[in-house]
Protein backbone atom coordinates (compact mmCIF):
# COMPACT_ATOMS: atom_id res chain seq x y z
CA GLN A 1 84.28 75.65 105.22
CA VAL A 2 87.54 77.57 105.26
CA PRO A 3 87.17 80.47 102.81
CA LEU A 4 90.82 80.53 101.77
CA VAL A 5 93.21 77.60 101.51
CA GLU A 6 96.92 78.09 100.93
CA SER A 7 99.32 75.51 99.52
CA GLY A 8 102.76 75.26 97.99
CA GLY A 9 104.92 75.87 101.01
CA GLY A 10 107.93 73.75 101.85
CA LEU A 11 111.67 73.66 102.35
CA VAL A 12 113.82 75.46 99.81
CA GLN A 13 117.49 76.39 99.66
CA PRO A 14 118.64 80.01 99.71
CA GLY A 15 118.37 81.47 96.25
CA GLY A 16 115.57 79.12 95.33
CA SER A 17 111.99 79.77 94.31
CA LEU A 18 108.51 78.76 95.40
CA ARG A 19 105.02 79.44 94.17
CA LEU A 20 102.25 79.60 96.74
CA SER A 21 98.60 79.19 95.83
CA CYS A 22 95.49 80.39 97.58
CA VAL A 23 92.12 79.02 96.50
CA ALA A 24 88.95 80.85 97.50
CA SER A 25 85.72 79.03 98.26
CA GLY A 26 82.26 80.51 98.46
CA PHE A 27 83.03 83.86 96.91
CA SER A 28 84.70 85.38 93.86
CA LEU A 29 88.17 86.81 94.35
CA ALA A 30 87.47 89.25 91.51
CA PHE A 31 85.58 91.53 93.91
CA TYR A 32 88.04 91.38 96.78
CA ASN A 33 91.23 93.07 97.80
CA ILE A 34 93.73 90.28 98.33
CA GLY A 35 96.85 90.16 100.39
CA TRP A 36 99.68 87.83 101.26
CA PHE A 37 101.05 88.12 104.77
CA ARG A 38 103.66 86.23 106.74
CA GLN A 39 104.53 85.59 110.35
CA SER A 40 107.75 84.31 111.87
CA PRO A 41 108.04 82.96 115.43
CA GLY A 42 108.09 85.81 117.93
CA LYS A 43 107.20 88.41 115.33
CA GLU A 44 104.01 90.14 114.36
CA ARG A 45 102.21 89.23 111.17
CA GLU A 46 103.41 91.48 108.36
CA ALA A 47 102.25 92.32 104.88
CA VAL A 48 104.15 90.85 101.95
CA ILE A 49 102.18 92.00 98.92
CA CYS A 50 98.60 93.09 98.32
CA ILE A 51 96.43 93.88 95.35
CA ARG A 52 93.52 96.29 95.22
CA SER A 53 90.47 94.97 93.43
CA GLN A 54 89.21 98.23 91.90
CA ASP A 55 92.27 98.91 89.74
CA GLY A 56 94.77 96.10 90.23
CA ASP A 57 97.20 98.37 92.05
CA THR A 58 99.71 96.43 94.13
CA HIS A 59 101.71 97.23 97.23
CA SER A 60 104.79 95.28 98.21
CA ALA A 61 106.93 95.29 101.30
CA ASP A 62 110.37 96.76 100.63
CA SER A 63 111.98 93.49 101.68
CA VAL A 64 110.37 91.57 98.81
CA LYS A 65 110.34 94.11 96.00
CA GLY A 66 111.94 92.71 92.88
CA ARG A 67 111.71 89.15 94.23
CA PHE A 68 108.03 88.43 94.93
CA THR A 69 105.11 88.89 92.59
CA MET A 70 101.42 88.23 92.96
CA PHE A 71 98.92 87.34 90.28
CA ARG A 72 95.34 86.22 90.09
CA ASP A 73 93.58 83.56 88.03
CA PHE A 74 89.89 84.40 88.21
CA GLY A 75 88.94 81.30 86.23
CA LYS A 76 90.41 79.16 89.00
CA ASN A 77 89.41 81.63 91.72
CA THR A 78 93.00 81.43 92.86
CA VAL A 79 95.72 83.90 93.72
CA PHE A 80 99.41 83.05 93.49
CA LEU A 81 102.52 84.32 95.20
CA GLU A 82 105.66 83.80 93.15
CA MET A 83 108.76 83.99 95.33
CA ASN A 84 112.25 84.13 93.86
CA ASN A 85 115.76 84.48 95.27
CA LEU A 86 114.57 83.37 98.68
CA THR A 87 116.65 84.03 101.77
CA PRO A 88 116.48 82.57 105.30
CA GLU A 89 114.79 85.82 106.36
CA ASP A 90 111.80 84.80 104.24
CA THR A 91 111.15 81.82 106.49
CA ALA A 92 107.65 82.17 107.92
CA VAL A 93 104.09 80.94 107.77
CA TYR A 94 102.48 82.61 104.78
CA TYR A 95 98.83 83.58 104.89
CA CYS A 96 96.39 84.58 102.21
CA ALA A 97 93.74 87.16 103.09
CA ALA A 98 90.81 88.78 101.35
CA ASP A 99 88.33 91.55 101.97
CA HIS A 100 85.41 92.66 99.84
CA SER A 101 86.06 95.83 97.88
CA VAL A 102 82.82 97.33 99.21
CA ASN A 103 84.56 97.62 102.57
CA TYR A 104 87.39 99.62 101.07
CA HIS A 105 87.10 103.39 101.42
CA GLY A 106 90.51 104.51 100.26
CA GLY A 107 93.91 104.65 101.87
CA SER A 108 95.65 101.55 103.14
CA TYR A 109 94.79 98.15 101.75
CA CYS A 110 97.85 96.24 102.88
CA GLU A 111 97.66 95.95 106.62
CA VAL A 112 96.42 93.08 108.73
CA ALA A 113 93.47 95.14 109.93
CA ASP A 114 92.31 95.68 106.35
CA TYR A 115 91.36 92.01 105.94
CA GLY A 116 88.52 89.94 107.35
CA LEU A 117 88.96 86.58 105.62
CA TRP A 118 92.06 84.50 106.29
CA GLY A 119 93.48 81.15 105.39
CA ARG A 120 95.27 78.89 107.83
CA GLY A 121 98.69 79.44 106.33
CA THR A 122 101.45 77.43 104.71
CA GLN A 123 104.97 77.08 106.08
CA VAL A 124 107.91 78.28 104.02
CA THR A 125 111.37 77.39 105.26
CA VAL A 126 114.49 78.67 103.55
CA SER A 127 117.56 76.80 104.69
CA SER A 128 120.61 75.02 103.35
């Protein structure tokens, strides 16, 4: 069973919006640091926005600040990525990731290496 399943990707015009969802199975997101990452062809996977379980602190990439937000619905065990004012540069496969807060010992919580559980991704294409 895949622990994280993303959905909501698709084709959107520049300036448009999308909401991605990530449903967790087999564990409670409430106890996990959660991150959204993305990867474009030929590029390394990069962090988009992450949230730290212990205090709800978030970290966003400079390229998405003011446009992307992340929120959790513990009742649905789901995390969402709200994306507004999309540009072609946002085109990528978007991945949801999680890692138990017990593994967190301070410092970074928004790098690929900080996460052990991954979804399979959902494609977002921004084009006119």
